[in-house]
Amino acid sequence: MDSKNKEVHLSKPLGFADATQFWNERFNKEEFIFGKEPNEYLVKQANQYLKPNNKVLCIADGEGRNGVWLAKQGMQVVGFDASDIALAKANQFAKDNQVVVQYSFSDADSFAWQANTYDAVIGIFIQFADPQMRERIFQKTYEALKPGGILIMQGYTPKQLEYKTGGPSLIDHLYTEELIRELTIDFEILELRSYEQMLSEGPRHTGMSALLGLVARK
């Protein structure tokens, strides 16, 4: 199956088993497909809004680059991903960095969300979700945050379809500011901006990119 067909596959609602197969095919290589360095937007916002000992949930943390970095900052990190191959890499990456991240083999619907539990929830390029799942993720995120808790997200905007330097191929998986405002109506938005920037995050996220950044408080 070529990459174009894989993107079409990803655009359909996937059950947990299908998602696992899809992502395992991508992560089943020695290299870290999104690199080992944490997402730049996350680092900037975490340094401003988060602090050591915060309990943080990383949605679909993949090979662990973001969760491990947060743990290295002294945070208590919980994460999940639908790829057991990615999680094996993430757990080894955490061990190599002498930190512990509590990972679960789950997708967004099967994860054991707990209400009023986290100081922050992190969603970096979680654009596997169709519109219905995306709405569920934002609702579960709001419920899972403690009062005053922080949501940090980064994703691609529709202009990314022109750059083709990463992300999904269908527009309904991409973010606009209007869409995000609708999904975060119960939050206080601290930052919401669309911008363009060069990314260098492994072979899957490399080159000029059309991005959206969000920081919101419960």
C-alpha atoms as a PDB file:
ATOM      1  CA  MET A   1       0.000   0.000   0.000  1.00  0.00           C
ATOM      2  CA  ASP A   2       1.532   3.323  -0.992  1.00  0.00           C
ATOM      3  CA  SER A   3       1.486   6.416   1.248  1.00  0.00           C
ATOM      4  CA  LYS A   4      -1.335   8.051  -0.671  1.00  0.00           C
ATOM      5  CA  ASN A   5      -3.590   5.054  -0.089  1.00  0.00           C
ATOM      6  CA  LYS A   6      -2.557   4.989   3.557  1.00  0.00           C
ATOM      7  CA  GLU A   7      -3.727   8.562   3.958  1.00  0.00           C
ATOM      8  CA  VAL A   8      -7.086   7.634   2.440  1.00  0.00           C
ATOM      9  CA  HIS A   9      -7.282   4.726   4.890  1.00  0.00           C
ATOM     10  CA  LEU A  10      -6.543   7.112   7.752  1.00  0.00           C
ATOM     11  CA  SER A  11      -9.337   9.438   6.657  1.00  0.00           C
ATOM     12  CA  LYS A  12     -11.947   6.809   7.474  1.00  0.00           C
ATOM     13  CA  PRO A  13     -13.172   6.155  11.022  1.00  0.00           C
ATOM     14  CA  LEU A  14     -10.870   3.446  12.351  1.00  0.00           C
ATOM     15  CA  GLY A  15     -11.637   0.883  14.986  1.00  0.00           C
ATOM     16  CA  PHE A  16      -8.911   0.229  17.544  1.00  0.00           C
ATOM     17  CA  ALA A  17      -7.566  -2.835  15.708  1.00  0.00           C
ATOM     18  CA  ASP A  18      -7.474  -0.999  12.366  1.00  0.00           C
ATOM     19  CA  ALA A  19      -5.743   1.981  13.954  1.00  0.00           C
ATOM     20  CA  THR A  20      -3.182  -0.319  15.545  1.00  0.00           C
ATOM     21  CA  GLN A  21      -2.418  -1.980  12.216  1.00  0.00           C
ATOM     22  CA  PHE A  22      -2.185   1.357  10.401  1.00  0.00           C
ATOM     23  CA  TRP A  23       0.155   2.991  12.913  1.00  0.00           C
ATOM     24  CA  ASN A  24       2.228  -0.107  13.511  1.00  0.00           C
ATOM     25  CA  GLU A  25       3.067  -0.149   9.806  1.00  0.00           C
ATOM     26  CA  ARG A  26       4.355   3.401  10.148  1.00  0.00           C
ATOM     27  CA  PHE A  27       6.233   3.029  13.420  1.00  0.00           C
ATOM     28  CA  ASN A  28       7.783  -0.372  12.630  1.00  0.00           C
ATOM     29  CA  LYS A  29      11.250   0.936  11.820  1.00  0.00           C
ATOM     30  CA  GLU A  30      14.374   1.658  13.812  1.00  0.00           C
ATOM     31  CA  GLU A  31      14.292   5.419  13.308  1.00  0.00           C
ATOM     32  CA  PHE A  32      11.940   7.686  15.226  1.00  0.00           C
ATOM     33  CA  ILE A  33       9.616   8.864  12.477  1.00  0.00           C
ATOM     34  CA  PHE A  34       8.868  12.177  14.237  1.00  0.00           C
ATOM     35  CA  GLY A  35      12.335  12.532  15.754  1.00  0.00           C
ATOM     36  CA  LYS A  36      13.449  12.359  19.373  1.00  0.00           C
ATOM     37  CA  GLU A  37      13.294  16.061  20.197  1.00  0.00           C
ATOM     38  CA  PRO A  38      10.105  17.440  21.769  1.00  0.00           C
ATOM     39  CA  ASN A  39       7.726  19.568  19.748  1.00  0.00           C
ATOM     40  CA  GLU A  40       8.936  23.174  19.724  1.00  0.00           C
ATOM     41  CA  TYR A  41       5.516  24.680  20.411  1.00  0.00           C
ATOM     42  CA  LEU A  42       5.011  22.339  23.366  1.00  0.00           C
ATOM     43  CA  VAL A  43       8.377  23.285  24.859  1.00  0.00           C
ATOM     44  CA  LYS A  44       7.647  26.996  24.626  1.00  0.00           C
ATOM     45  CA  GLN A  45       4.183  26.726  26.175  1.00  0.00           C
ATOM     46  CA  ALA A  46       5.165  24.164  28.819  1.00  0.00           C
ATOM     47  CA  ASN A  47       7.959  26.437  30.006  1.00  0.00           C
ATOM     48  CA  GLN A  48       5.381  29.197  30.451  1.00  0.00           C
ATOM     49  CA  TYR A  49       2.382  27.334  31.858  1.00  0.00           C
ATOM     50  CA  LEU A  50       3.545  24.049  33.404  1.00  0.00           C
ATOM     51  CA  LYS A  51       5.776  23.226  36.341  1.00  0.00           C
ATOM     52  CA  PRO A  52       7.476  20.236  37.985  1.00  0.00           C
ATOM     53  CA  ASN A  53       5.175  17.717  39.649  1.00  0.00           C
ATOM     54  CA  ASN A  54       2.272  18.624  37.375  1.00  0.00           C
ATOM     55  CA  LYS A  55       0.306  15.545  36.325  1.00  0.00           C
ATOM     56  CA  VAL A  56       0.180  15.578  32.534  1.00  0.00           C
ATOM     57  CA  LEU A  57      -1.640  13.448  29.966  1.00  0.00           C
ATOM     58  CA  CYS A  58      -0.158  13.066  26.478  1.00  0.00           C
ATOM     59  CA  ILE A  59      -2.744  12.016  23.885  1.00  0.00           C
ATOM     60  CA  ALA A  60      -1.385   9.607  21.241  1.00  0.00           C
ATOM     61  CA  ASP A  61       2.210  10.125  22.355  1.00  0.00           C
ATOM     62  CA  GLY A  62       3.657   7.799  19.703  1.00  0.00           C
ATOM     63  CA  GLU A  63       7.349   7.072  20.217  1.00  0.00           C
ATOM     64  CA  GLY A  64       7.450   9.237  23.335  1.00  0.00           C
ATOM     65  CA  ARG A  65       9.387  12.332  22.313  1.00  0.00           C
ATOM     66  CA  ASN A  66       6.982  14.697  24.096  1.00  0.00           C
ATOM     67  CA  GLY A  67       6.051  12.573  27.092  1.00  0.00           C
ATOM     68  CA  VAL A  68       9.677  11.755  27.865  1.00  0.00           C
ATOM     69  CA  TRP A  69      10.687  15.409  27.637  1.00  0.00           C
ATOM     70  CA  LEU A  70       7.905  16.402  30.040  1.00  0.00           C
ATOM     71  CA  ALA A  71       8.982  13.668  32.446  1.00  0.00           C
ATOM     72  CA  LYS A  72      12.552  14.989  32.269  1.00  0.00           C
ATOM     73  CA  GLN A  73      11.172  18.342  33.452  1.00  0.00           C
ATOM     74  CA  GLY A  74       9.972  16.611  36.620  1.00  0.00           C
ATOM     75  CA  MET A  75       6.346  16.090  35.651  1.00  0.00           C
ATOM     76  CA  GLN A  76       4.204  13.004  36.313  1.00  0.00           C
ATOM     77  CA  VAL A  77       3.354  11.888  32.794  1.00  0.00           C
ATOM     78  CA  VAL A  78       0.608   9.565  31.612  1.00  0.00           C
ATOM     79  CA  GLY A  79       0.255   8.761  27.928  1.00  0.00           C
ATOM     80  CA  PHE A  80      -1.452   6.439  25.486  1.00  0.00           C
ATOM     81  CA  ASP A  81      -1.174   5.368  21.890  1.00  0.00           C
ATOM     82  CA  ALA A  82      -2.934   2.900  19.606  1.00  0.00           C
ATOM     83  CA  SER A  83       0.382   1.494  18.340  1.00  0.00           C
ATOM     84  CA  ASP A  84       2.012  -1.091  20.588  1.00  0.00           C
ATOM     85  CA  ILE A  85       5.144  -0.848  18.434  1.00  0.00           C
ATOM     86  CA  ALA A  86       5.346   2.915  19.079  1.00  0.00           C
ATOM     87  CA  LEU A  87       4.816   2.334  22.802  1.00  0.00           C
ATOM     88  CA  ALA A  88       7.620  -0.220  22.942  1.00  0.00           C
ATOM     89  CA  LYS A  89       9.903   2.437  21.465  1.00  0.00           C
ATOM     90  CA  ALA A  90       8.512   5.054  23.856  1.00  0.00           C
ATOM     91  CA  ASN A  91       9.082   2.882  26.921  1.00  0.00           C
ATOM     92  CA  GLN A  92      12.651   2.152  25.863  1.00  0.00           C
ATOM     93  CA  PHE A  93      13.196   5.863  25.143  1.00  0.00           C
ATOM     94  CA  ALA A  94      11.951   6.703  28.652  1.00  0.00           C
ATOM     95  CA  LYS A  95      14.273   4.076  30.145  1.00  0.00           C
ATOM     96  CA  ASP A  96      17.213   5.427  28.144  1.00  0.00           C
ATOM     97  CA  ASN A  97      16.438   8.885  29.567  1.00  0.00           C
ATOM     98  CA  GLN A  98      16.040   7.506  33.109  1.00  0.00           C
ATOM     99  CA  VAL A  99      12.438   8.626  33.506  1.00  0.00           C
ATOM    100  CA  VAL A 100       9.124   6.834  33.877  1.00  0.00           C
ATOM    101  CA  VAL A 101       6.035   7.523  31.763  1.00  0.00           C
ATOM    102  CA  GLN A 102       2.855   5.586  32.518  1.00  0.00           C
ATOM    103  CA  TYR A 103       1.804   4.442  29.045  1.00  0.00           C
ATOM    104  CA  SER A 104      -1.401   2.645  28.073  1.00  0.00           C
ATOM    105  CA  PHE A 105      -2.041   0.736  24.846  1.00  0.00           C
ATOM    106  CA  SER A 106      -5.281   2.535  23.969  1.00  0.00           C
ATOM    107  CA  ASP A 107      -6.914   4.803  21.473  1.00  0.00           C
ATOM    108  CA  ALA A 108      -8.800   7.964  22.439  1.00  0.00           C
ATOM    109  CA  ASP A 109     -12.068   6.076  22.900  1.00  0.00           C
ATOM    110  CA  SER A 110     -10.724   3.116  24.881  1.00  0.00           C
ATOM    111  CA  PHE A 111      -8.416   5.093  27.176  1.00  0.00           C
ATOM    112  CA  ALA A 112      -9.530   5.198  30.821  1.00  0.00           C
ATOM    113  CA  TRP A 113     -10.150   8.947  31.079  1.00  0.00           C
ATOM    114  CA  GLN A 114     -10.510  10.137  34.675  1.00  0.00           C
ATOM    115  CA  ALA A 115     -12.344  13.324  35.610  1.00  0.00           C
ATOM    116  CA  ASN A 116     -10.570  16.269  37.280  1.00  0.00           C
ATOM    117  CA  THR A 117      -7.238  14.437  37.272  1.00  0.00           C
ATOM    118  CA  TYR A 118      -4.671  16.282  35.161  1.00  0.00           C
ATOM    119  CA  ASP A 119      -2.940  19.638  35.466  1.00  0.00           C
ATOM    120  CA  ALA A 120      -2.402  19.585  31.708  1.00  0.00           C
ATOM    121  CA  VAL A 121      -3.403  17.623  28.618  1.00  0.00           C
ATOM    122  CA  ILE A 122      -1.136  17.643  25.565  1.00  0.00           C
ATOM    123  CA  GLY A 123      -2.298  16.983  21.995  1.00  0.00           C
ATOM    124  CA  ILE A 124       0.490  17.372  19.428  1.00  0.00           C
ATOM    125  CA  PHE A 125      -0.535  16.523  15.844  1.00  0.00           C
ATOM    126  CA  ILE A 126      -3.370  14.221  16.919  1.00  0.00           C
ATOM    127  CA  GLN A 127      -5.052  14.656  13.547  1.00  0.00           C
ATOM    128  CA  PHE A 128      -5.869  10.985  13.082  1.00  0.00           C
ATOM    129  CA  ALA A 129      -9.320  11.802  14.520  1.00  0.00           C
ATOM    130  CA  ASP A 130     -12.332  12.286  12.285  1.00  0.00           C
ATOM    131  CA  PRO A 131     -14.670  15.157  13.306  1.00  0.00           C
ATOM    132  CA  GLN A 132     -16.782  12.941  15.579  1.00  0.00           C
ATOM    133  CA  MET A 133     -13.801  11.483  17.445  1.00  0.00           C
ATOM    134  CA  ARG A 134     -12.209  14.945  17.643  1.00  0.00           C
ATOM    135  CA  GLU A 135     -15.305  16.277  19.392  1.00  0.00           C
ATOM    136  CA  ARG A 136     -15.163  13.381  21.858  1.00  0.00           C
ATOM    137  CA  ILE A 137     -11.479  14.039  22.538  1.00  0.00           C
ATOM    138  CA  PHE A 138     -12.081  17.694  23.370  1.00  0.00           C
ATOM    139  CA  GLN A 139     -14.993  16.806  25.643  1.00  0.00           C
ATOM    140  CA  LYS A 140     -13.008  14.095  27.442  1.00  0.00           C
ATOM    141  CA  THR A 141     -10.055  16.469  27.738  1.00  0.00           C
ATOM    142  CA  TYR A 142     -12.188  19.129  29.391  1.00  0.00           C
ATOM    143  CA  GLU A 143     -13.576  16.620  31.860  1.00  0.00           C
ATOM    144  CA  ALA A 144     -10.138  15.138  32.609  1.00  0.00           C
ATOM    145  CA  LEU A 145      -8.503  18.460  33.448  1.00  0.00           C
ATOM    146  CA  LYS A 146      -8.524  19.810  36.962  1.00  0.00           C
ATOM    147  CA  PRO A 147     -10.153  23.234  37.354  1.00  0.00           C
ATOM    148  CA  GLY A 148      -7.575  25.670  36.014  1.00  0.00           C
ATOM    149  CA  GLY A 149      -5.860  22.895  34.048  1.00  0.00           C
ATOM    150  CA  ILE A 150      -4.139  23.654  30.749  1.00  0.00           C
ATOM    151  CA  LEU A 151      -4.676  22.202  27.273  1.00  0.00           C
ATOM    152  CA  ILE A 152      -1.757  22.579  24.856  1.00  0.00           C
ATOM    153  CA  MET A 153      -2.290  21.555  21.236  1.00  0.00           C
ATOM    154  CA  GLN A 154      -0.582  21.935  17.905  1.00  0.00           C
ATOM    155  CA  GLY A 155      -1.909  20.854  14.538  1.00  0.00           C
ATOM    156  CA  TYR A 156      -1.971  21.597  10.853  1.00  0.00           C
ATOM    157  CA  THR A 157      -4.281  24.078   9.128  1.00  0.00           C
ATOM    158  CA  PRO A 158      -5.861  23.512   5.685  1.00  0.00           C
ATOM    159  CA  LYS A 159      -2.982  25.340   3.971  1.00  0.00           C
ATOM    160  CA  GLN A 160      -0.859  22.318   4.909  1.00  0.00           C
ATOM    161  CA  LEU A 161      -2.463  20.532   1.956  1.00  0.00           C
ATOM    162  CA  GLU A 162      -0.358  22.830  -0.255  1.00  0.00           C
ATOM    163  CA  TYR A 163       2.911  22.159   1.581  1.00  0.00           C
ATOM    164  CA  LYS A 164       2.455  18.380   1.900  1.00  0.00           C
ATOM    165  CA  THR A 165       5.217  18.185   4.505  1.00  0.00           C
ATOM    166  CA  GLY A 166       3.236  16.056   6.957  1.00  0.00           C
ATOM    167  CA  GLY A 167      -0.235  15.458   8.313  1.00  0.00           C
ATOM    168  CA  PRO A 168      -3.470  14.025   6.948  1.00  0.00           C
ATOM    169  CA  SER A 169      -4.629  14.452   3.373  1.00  0.00           C
ATOM    170  CA  LEU A 170      -8.289  15.355   3.973  1.00  0.00           C
ATOM    171  CA  ILE A 171      -9.405  18.806   5.028  1.00  0.00           C
ATOM    172  CA  ASP A 172     -11.849  17.662   7.704  1.00  0.00           C
ATOM    173  CA  HIS A 173      -8.900  16.362   9.748  1.00  0.00           C
ATOM    174  CA  LEU A 174      -7.231  19.792   9.764  1.00  0.00           C
ATOM    175  CA  TYR A 175      -7.708  22.689  12.190  1.00  0.00           C
ATOM    176  CA  THR A 176      -9.034  26.166  11.666  1.00  0.00           C
ATOM    177  CA  GLU A 177      -9.264  28.800  14.379  1.00  0.00           C
ATOM    178  CA  GLU A 178     -13.052  28.836  14.004  1.00  0.00           C
ATOM    179  CA  LEU A 179     -13.233  25.056  14.467  1.00  0.00           C
ATOM    180  CA  ILE A 180     -11.021  25.162  17.546  1.00  0.00           C
ATOM    181  CA  ARG A 181     -13.051  27.986  19.082  1.00  0.00           C
ATOM    182  CA  GLU A 182     -16.187  25.863  18.701  1.00  0.00           C
ATOM    183  CA  LEU A 183     -14.490  22.852  20.298  1.00  0.00           C
ATOM    184  CA  THR A 184     -13.122  24.900  23.218  1.00  0.00           C
ATOM    185  CA  ILE A 185     -16.265  26.908  23.977  1.00  0.00           C
ATOM    186  CA  ASP A 186     -16.093  25.828  27.633  1.00  0.00           C
ATOM    187  CA  PHE A 187     -12.409  26.770  27.944  1.00  0.00           C
ATOM    188  CA  GLU A 188     -10.691  30.115  28.419  1.00  0.00           C
ATOM    189  CA  ILE A 189      -8.453  30.523  25.360  1.00  0.00           C
ATOM    190  CA  LEU A 190      -5.044  31.862  26.340  1.00  0.00           C
ATOM    191  CA  GLU A 191      -3.491  31.602  22.883  1.00  0.00           C
ATOM    192  CA  LEU A 192      -4.870  30.609  19.498  1.00  0.00           C
ATOM    193  CA  ARG A 193      -2.896  31.429  16.404  1.00  0.00           C
ATOM    194  CA  SER A 194      -2.252  30.193  12.890  1.00  0.00           C
ATOM    195  CA  TYR A 195       1.230  30.588  11.463  1.00  0.00           C
ATOM    196  CA  GLU A 196       3.773  29.112   9.085  1.00  0.00           C
ATOM    197  CA  GLN A 197       7.116  27.727  10.146  1.00  0.00           C
ATOM    198  CA  MET A 198       9.819  25.290   9.116  1.00  0.00           C
ATOM    199  CA  LEU A 199       9.584  22.012  10.997  1.00  0.00           C
ATOM    200  CA  SER A 200      12.313  19.434  11.436  1.00  0.00           C
ATOM    201  CA  GLU A 201      10.696  16.633  13.418  1.00  0.00           C
ATOM    202  CA  GLY A 202      11.966  13.434  11.871  1.00  0.00           C
ATOM    203  CA  PRO A 203      11.195  12.299   8.321  1.00  0.00           C
ATOM    204  CA  ARG A 204       7.408  12.674   8.737  1.00  0.00           C
ATOM    205  CA  HIS A 205       7.401  16.372   9.721  1.00  0.00           C
ATOM    206  CA  THR A 206      10.056  18.176   7.705  1.00  0.00           C
ATOM    207  CA  GLY A 207       9.793  21.440   5.769  1.00  0.00           C
ATOM    208  CA  MET A 208       7.637  24.548   5.696  1.00  0.00           C
ATOM    209  CA  SER A 209       4.372  23.852   7.504  1.00  0.00           C
ATOM    210  CA  ALA A 210       1.028  25.572   8.106  1.00  0.00           C
ATOM    211  CA  LEU A 211       0.407  25.315  11.836  1.00  0.00           C
ATOM    212  CA  LEU A 212      -2.092  26.160  14.541  1.00  0.00           C
ATOM    213  CA  GLY A 213      -1.203  26.522  18.195  1.00  0.00           C
ATOM    214  CA  LEU A 214      -3.636  26.472  21.104  1.00  0.00           C
ATOM    215  CA  VAL A 215      -3.314  27.029  24.822  1.00  0.00           C
ATOM    216  CA  ALA A 216      -6.568  26.950  26.775  1.00  0.00           C
ATOM    217  CA  ARG A 217      -7.523  26.819  30.456  1.00  0.00           C
ATOM    218  CA  LYS A 218     -10.414  24.930  32.063  1.00  0.00           C
END
